[in-house]
PDB file of all heavy atoms in Angstrom:
ATOM      1  N   GLY A   1      48.147 -35.585 -29.024  1.00  0.00           N
ATOM      2  CA  GLY A   1      48.403 -34.158 -28.847  1.00  0.00           C
ATOM      3  C   GLY A   1      47.536 -33.599 -27.742  1.00  0.00           C
ATOM      4  O   GLY A   1      46.816 -34.336 -27.069  1.00  0.00           O
ATOM      5  N   ALA A   2      47.623 -32.283 -27.556  1.00  0.00           N
ATOM      6  CA  ALA A   2      46.844 -31.633 -26.495  1.00  0.00           C
ATOM      7  C   ALA A   2      46.540 -30.201 -26.876  1.00  0.00           C
ATOM      8  O   ALA A   2      47.318 -29.553 -27.598  1.00  0.00           O
ATOM      9  CB  ALA A   2      47.620 -31.673 -25.180  1.00  0.00           C
ATOM     10  N   THR A   3      45.402 -29.718 -26.391  1.00  0.00           N
ATOM     11  CA  THR A   3      45.035 -28.323 -26.618  1.00  0.00           C
ATOM     12  C   THR A   3      44.034 -27.890 -25.557  1.00  0.00           C
ATOM     13  O   THR A   3      43.532 -28.733 -24.806  1.00  0.00           O
ATOM     14  CB  THR A   3      44.441 -28.115 -28.030  1.00  0.00           C
ATOM     15  OG1 THR A   3      44.296 -26.718 -28.275  1.00  0.00           O
ATOM     16  CG2 THR A   3      43.081 -28.800 -28.179  1.00  0.00           C
ATOM     17  N   THR A   4      43.737 -26.608 -25.475  1.00  0.00           N
ATOM     18  CA  THR A   4      42.713 -26.138 -24.536  1.00  0.00           C
ATOM     19  C   THR A   4      41.694 -25.298 -25.294  1.00  0.00           C
ATOM     20  O   THR A   4      42.057 -24.532 -26.186  1.00  0.00           O
ATOM     21  CB  THR A   4      43.296 -25.299 -23.370  1.00  0.00           C
ATOM     22  OG1 THR A   4      43.407 -23.934 -23.790  1.00  0.00           O
ATOM     23  CG2 THR A   4      44.639 -25.820 -22.904  1.00  0.00           C
ATOM     24  N   VAL A   5      40.430 -25.443 -24.895  1.00  0.00           N
ATOM     25  CA  VAL A   5      39.352 -24.736 -25.592  1.00  0.00           C
ATOM     26  C   VAL A   5      38.269 -24.388 -24.561  1.00  0.00           C
ATOM     27  O   VAL A   5      38.194 -25.019 -23.499  1.00  0.00           O
ATOM     28  CB  VAL A   5      38.800 -25.634 -26.732  1.00  0.00           C
ATOM     29  CG1 VAL A   5      38.082 -26.855 -26.170  1.00  0.00           C
ATOM     30  CG2 VAL A   5      37.899 -24.870 -27.681  1.00  0.00           C
ATOM     31  N   SER A   6      37.445 -23.392 -24.865  1.00  0.00           N
ATOM     32  CA  SER A   6      36.403 -22.961 -23.916  1.00  0.00           C
ATOM     33  C   SER A   6      35.492 -24.130 -23.531  1.00  0.00           C
ATOM     34  O   SER A   6      34.850 -24.745 -24.381  1.00  0.00           O
ATOM     35  CB  SER A   6      35.553 -21.845 -24.532  1.00  0.00           C
ATOM     36  OG  SER A   6      34.359 -21.696 -23.778  1.00  0.00           O
ATOM     37  N   ALA A   7      35.436 -24.412 -22.223  1.00  0.00           N
ATOM     38  CA  ALA A   7      34.651 -25.552 -21.732  1.00  0.00           C
ATOM     39  C   ALA A   7      33.160 -25.337 -21.964  1.00  0.00           C
ATOM     40  O   ALA A   7      32.447 -26.246 -22.388  1.00  0.00           O
ATOM     41  CB  ALA A   7      34.930 -25.753 -20.241  1.00  0.00           C
ATOM     42  N   THR A   8      32.681 -24.113 -21.710  1.00  0.00           N
ATOM     43  CA  THR A   8      31.250 -23.830 -21.843  1.00  0.00           C
ATOM     44  C   THR A   8      30.803 -23.919 -23.292  1.00  0.00           C
ATOM     45  O   THR A   8      29.771 -24.517 -23.598  1.00  0.00           O
ATOM     46  CB  THR A   8      30.930 -22.418 -21.281  1.00  0.00           C
ATOM     47  OG1 THR A   8      31.561 -22.293 -20.002  1.00  0.00           O
ATOM     48  CG2 THR A   8      29.450 -22.204 -21.105  1.00  0.00           C
ATOM     49  N   THR A   9      31.590 -23.328 -24.199  1.00  0.00           N
ATOM     50  CA  THR A   9      31.220 -23.354 -25.624  1.00  0.00           C
ATOM     51  C   THR A   9      31.221 -24.778 -26.161  1.00  0.00           C
ATOM     52  O   THR A   9      30.302 -25.198 -26.865  1.00  0.00           O
ATOM     53  CB  THR A   9      32.198 -22.475 -26.450  1.00  0.00           C
ATOM     54  OG1 THR A   9      32.343 -21.215 -25.806  1.00  0.00           O
ATOM     55  CG2 THR A   9      31.683 -22.262 -27.859  1.00  0.00           C
ATOM     56  N   LEU A  10      32.265 -25.538 -25.828  1.00  0.00           N
ATOM     57  CA  LEU A  10      32.350 -26.926 -26.288  1.00  0.00           C
ATOM     58  C   LEU A  10      31.162 -27.732 -25.757  1.00  0.00           C
ATOM     59  O   LEU A  10      30.544 -28.517 -26.481  1.00  0.00           O
ATOM     60  CB  LEU A  10      33.674 -27.551 -25.829  1.00  0.00           C
ATOM     61  CG  LEU A  10      33.924 -29.009 -26.250  1.00  0.00           C
ATOM     62  CD1 LEU A  10      33.905 -29.153 -27.769  1.00  0.00           C
ATOM     63  CD2 LEU A  10      35.261 -29.513 -25.700  1.00  0.00           C
ATOM     64  N   ASN A  11      30.808 -27.507 -24.502  1.00  0.00           N
ATOM     65  CA  ASN A  11      29.682 -28.218 -23.897  1.00  0.00           C
ATOM     66  C   ASN A  11      28.377 -27.897 -24.625  1.00  0.00           C
ATOM     67  O   ASN A  11      27.579 -28.792 -24.930  1.00  0.00           O
ATOM     68  CB  ASN A  11      29.561 -27.842 -22.417  1.00  0.00           C
ATOM     69  CG  ASN A  11      28.476 -28.625 -21.714  1.00  0.00           C
ATOM     70  OD1 ASN A  11      28.479 -29.851 -21.695  1.00  0.00           O
ATOM     71  ND2 ASN A  11      27.505 -27.916 -21.155  1.00  0.00           N
ATOM     72  N   GLU A  12      28.177 -26.606 -24.933  1.00  0.00           N
ATOM     73  CA  GLU A  12      26.954 -26.190 -25.632  1.00  0.00           C
ATOM     74  C   GLU A  12      26.866 -26.828 -27.023  1.00  0.00           C
ATOM     75  O   GLU A  12      25.808 -27.293 -27.442  1.00  0.00           O
ATOM     76  CB  GLU A  12      26.927 -24.653 -25.778  1.00  0.00           C
ATOM     77  CG  GLU A  12      26.536 -23.932 -24.512  1.00  0.00           C
ATOM     78  CD  GLU A  12      25.126 -24.280 -24.059  1.00  0.00           C
ATOM     79  OE1 GLU A  12      24.169 -23.973 -24.787  1.00  0.00           O
ATOM     80  OE2 GLU A  12      24.973 -24.900 -22.993  1.00  0.00           O
ATOM     81  N   ILE A  13      27.997 -26.856 -27.733  1.00  0.00           N
ATOM     82  CA  ILE A  13      28.021 -27.438 -29.085  1.00  0.00           C
ATOM     83  C   ILE A  13      27.668 -28.924 -29.026  1.00  0.00           C
ATOM     84  O   ILE A  13      26.791 -29.406 -29.742  1.00  0.00           O
ATOM     85  CB  ILE A  13      29.403 -27.232 -29.753  1.00  0.00           C
ATOM     86  CG1 ILE A  13      29.594 -25.755 -30.114  1.00  0.00           C
ATOM     87  CG2 ILE A  13      29.569 -28.121 -30.992  1.00  0.00           C
ATOM     88  CD1 ILE A  13      31.002 -25.397 -30.580  1.00  0.00           C
ATOM     89  N   VAL A  14      28.361 -29.649 -28.138  1.00  0.00           N
ATOM     90  CA  VAL A  14      28.166 -31.106 -28.070  1.00  0.00           C
ATOM     91  C   VAL A  14      26.740 -31.429 -27.622  1.00  0.00           C
ATOM     92  O   VAL A  14      26.112 -32.365 -28.116  1.00  0.00           O
ATOM     93  CB  VAL A  14      29.204 -31.756 -27.114  1.00  0.00           C
ATOM     94  CG1 VAL A  14      28.974 -33.256 -27.003  1.00  0.00           C
ATOM     95  CG2 VAL A  14      30.620 -31.490 -27.601  1.00  0.00           C
ATOM     96  N   ARG A  15      26.203 -30.605 -26.711  1.00  0.00           N
ATOM     97  CA  ARG A  15      24.840 -30.829 -26.203  1.00  0.00           C
ATOM     98  C   ARG A  15      23.813 -30.725 -27.327  1.00  0.00           C
ATOM     99  O   ARG A  15      22.805 -31.430 -27.342  1.00  0.00           O
ATOM    100  CB  ARG A  15      24.541 -29.792 -25.114  1.00  0.00           C
ATOM    101  CG  ARG A  15      23.318 -30.075 -24.275  1.00  0.00           C
ATOM    102  CD  ARG A  15      23.228 -29.107 -23.095  1.00  0.00           C
ATOM    103  NE  ARG A  15      23.133 -27.714 -23.514  1.00  0.00           N
ATOM    104  CZ  ARG A  15      22.018 -27.136 -23.953  1.00  0.00           C
ATOM    105  NH1 ARG A  15      20.917 -27.836 -24.044  1.00  0.00           N
ATOM    106  NH2 ARG A  15      22.013 -25.865 -24.295  1.00  0.00           N
ATOM    107  N   LYS A  16      24.094 -29.828 -28.288  1.00  0.00           N
ATOM    108  CA  LYS A  16      23.123 -29.581 -29.368  1.00  0.00           C
ATOM    109  C   LYS A  16      23.302 -30.517 -30.561  1.00  0.00           C
ATOM    110  O   LYS A  16      22.506 -30.469 -31.497  1.00  0.00           O
ATOM    111  CB  LYS A  16      23.224 -28.120 -29.805  1.00  0.00           C
ATOM    112  CG  LYS A  16      22.723 -27.164 -28.730  1.00  0.00           C
ATOM    113  CD  LYS A  16      23.027 -25.714 -29.044  1.00  0.00           C
ATOM    114  CE  LYS A  16      22.585 -24.812 -27.889  1.00  0.00           C
ATOM    115  NZ  LYS A  16      22.981 -23.412 -28.091  1.00  0.00           N
ATOM    116  N   LEU A  17      24.340 -31.331 -30.548  1.00  0.00           N
ATOM    117  CA  LEU A  17      24.537 -32.288 -31.645  1.00  0.00           C
ATOM    118  C   LEU A  17      23.532 -33.437 -31.512  1.00  0.00           C
ATOM    119  O   LEU A  17      23.095 -33.750 -30.409  1.00  0.00           O
ATOM    120  CB  LEU A  17      25.964 -32.844 -31.616  1.00  0.00           C
ATOM    121  CG  LEU A  17      27.090 -31.863 -31.973  1.00  0.00           C
ATOM    122  CD1 LEU A  17      28.449 -32.520 -31.773  1.00  0.00           C
ATOM    123  CD2 LEU A  17      26.961 -31.354 -33.412  1.00  0.00           C
ATOM    124  N   PRO A  18      23.170 -34.081 -32.628  1.00  0.00           N
ATOM    125  CA  PRO A  18      22.187 -35.175 -32.543  1.00  0.00           C
ATOM    126  C   PRO A  18      22.723 -36.385 -31.791  1.00  0.00           C
ATOM    127  O   PRO A  18      23.932 -36.656 -31.805  1.00  0.00           O
ATOM    128  CB  PRO A  18      21.903 -35.515 -34.017  1.00  0.00           C
ATOM    129  CG  PRO A  18      23.055 -34.959 -34.781  1.00  0.00           C
ATOM    130  CD  PRO A  18      23.580 -33.793 -34.011  1.00  0.00           C
ATOM    131  N   ASP A  19      21.820 -37.111 -31.135  1.00  0.00           N
ATOM    132  CA  ASP A  19      22.172 -38.344 -30.421  1.00  0.00           C
ATOM    133  C   ASP A  19      22.854 -39.332 -31.347  1.00  0.00           C
ATOM    134  O   ASP A  19      22.460 -39.467 -32.505  1.00  0.00           O
ATOM    135  CB  ASP A  19      20.890 -39.009 -29.874  1.00  0.00           C
ATOM    136  CG  ASP A  19      20.590 -38.524 -28.474  1.00  0.00           C
ATOM    137  OD1 ASP A  19      21.471 -37.878 -27.895  1.00  0.00           O
ATOM    138  OD2 ASP A  19      19.476 -38.785 -27.980  1.00  0.00           O
ATOM    139  N   GLY A  20      23.860 -40.020 -30.813  1.00  0.00           N
ATOM    140  CA  GLY A  20      24.515 -41.078 -31.595  1.00  0.00           C
ATOM    141  C   GLY A  20      25.535 -40.567 -32.607  1.00  0.00           C
ATOM    142  O   GLY A  20      26.164 -41.349 -33.307  1.00  0.00           O
ATOM    143  N   ALA A  21      25.696 -39.236 -32.686  1.00  0.00           N
ATOM    144  CA  ALA A  21      26.647 -38.681 -33.670  1.00  0.00           C
ATOM    145  C   ALA A  21      28.079 -39.057 -33.298  1.00  0.00           C
ATOM    146  O   ALA A  21      28.416 -39.186 -32.116  1.00  0.00           O
ATOM    147  CB  ALA A  21      26.498 -37.161 -33.719  1.00  0.00           C
ATOM    148  N   GLN A  22      28.913 -39.255 -34.326  1.00  0.00           N
ATOM    149  CA  GLN A  22      30.343 -39.470 -34.114  1.00  0.00           C
ATOM    150  C   GLN A  22      31.011 -38.109 -34.286  1.00  0.00           C
ATOM    151  O   GLN A  22      30.826 -37.449 -35.319  1.00  0.00           O
ATOM    152  CB  GLN A  22      30.880 -40.491 -35.140  1.00  0.00           C
ATOM    153  CG  GLN A  22      32.235 -41.082 -34.811  1.00  0.00           C
ATOM    154  CD  GLN A  22      32.222 -41.994 -33.577  1.00  0.00           C
ATOM    155  OE1 GLN A  22      31.170 -42.442 -33.154  1.00  0.00           O
ATOM    156  NE2 GLN A  22      33.374 -42.251 -33.003  1.00  0.00           N
ATOM    157  N   VAL A  23      31.736 -37.672 -33.276  1.00  0.00           N
ATOM    158  CA  VAL A  23      32.302 -36.315 -33.292  1.00  0.00           C
ATOM    159  C   VAL A  23      33.814 -36.387 -33.502  1.00  0.00           C
ATOM    160  O   VAL A  23      34.498 -37.176 -32.838  1.00  0.00           O
ATOM    161  CB  VAL A  23      32.007 -35.567 -31.964  1.00  0.00           C
ATOM    162  CG1 VAL A  23      32.440 -34.111 -32.046  1.00  0.00           C
ATOM    163  CG2 VAL A  23      30.526 -35.664 -31.610  1.00  0.00           C
ATOM    164  N   THR A  24      34.315 -35.565 -34.425  1.00  0.00           N
ATOM    165  CA  THR A  24      35.759 -35.499 -34.664  1.00  0.00           C
ATOM    166  C   THR A  24      36.291 -34.160 -34.164  1.00  0.00           C
ATOM    167  O   THR A  24      35.748 -33.099 -34.517  1.00  0.00           O
ATOM    168  CB  THR A  24      36.087 -35.645 -36.168  1.00  0.00           C
ATOM    169  OG1 THR A  24      35.519 -36.876 -36.622  1.00  0.00           O
ATOM    170  CG2 THR A  24      37.588 -35.660 -36.416  1.00  0.00           C
TER     171      THR A  24
END
């Protein structure tokens, strides 16, 4: 599938997640 989401917000969230985390 496909979708669009705020690039800046997504970047900030992923940056703050712990190292090695598996993201869904």
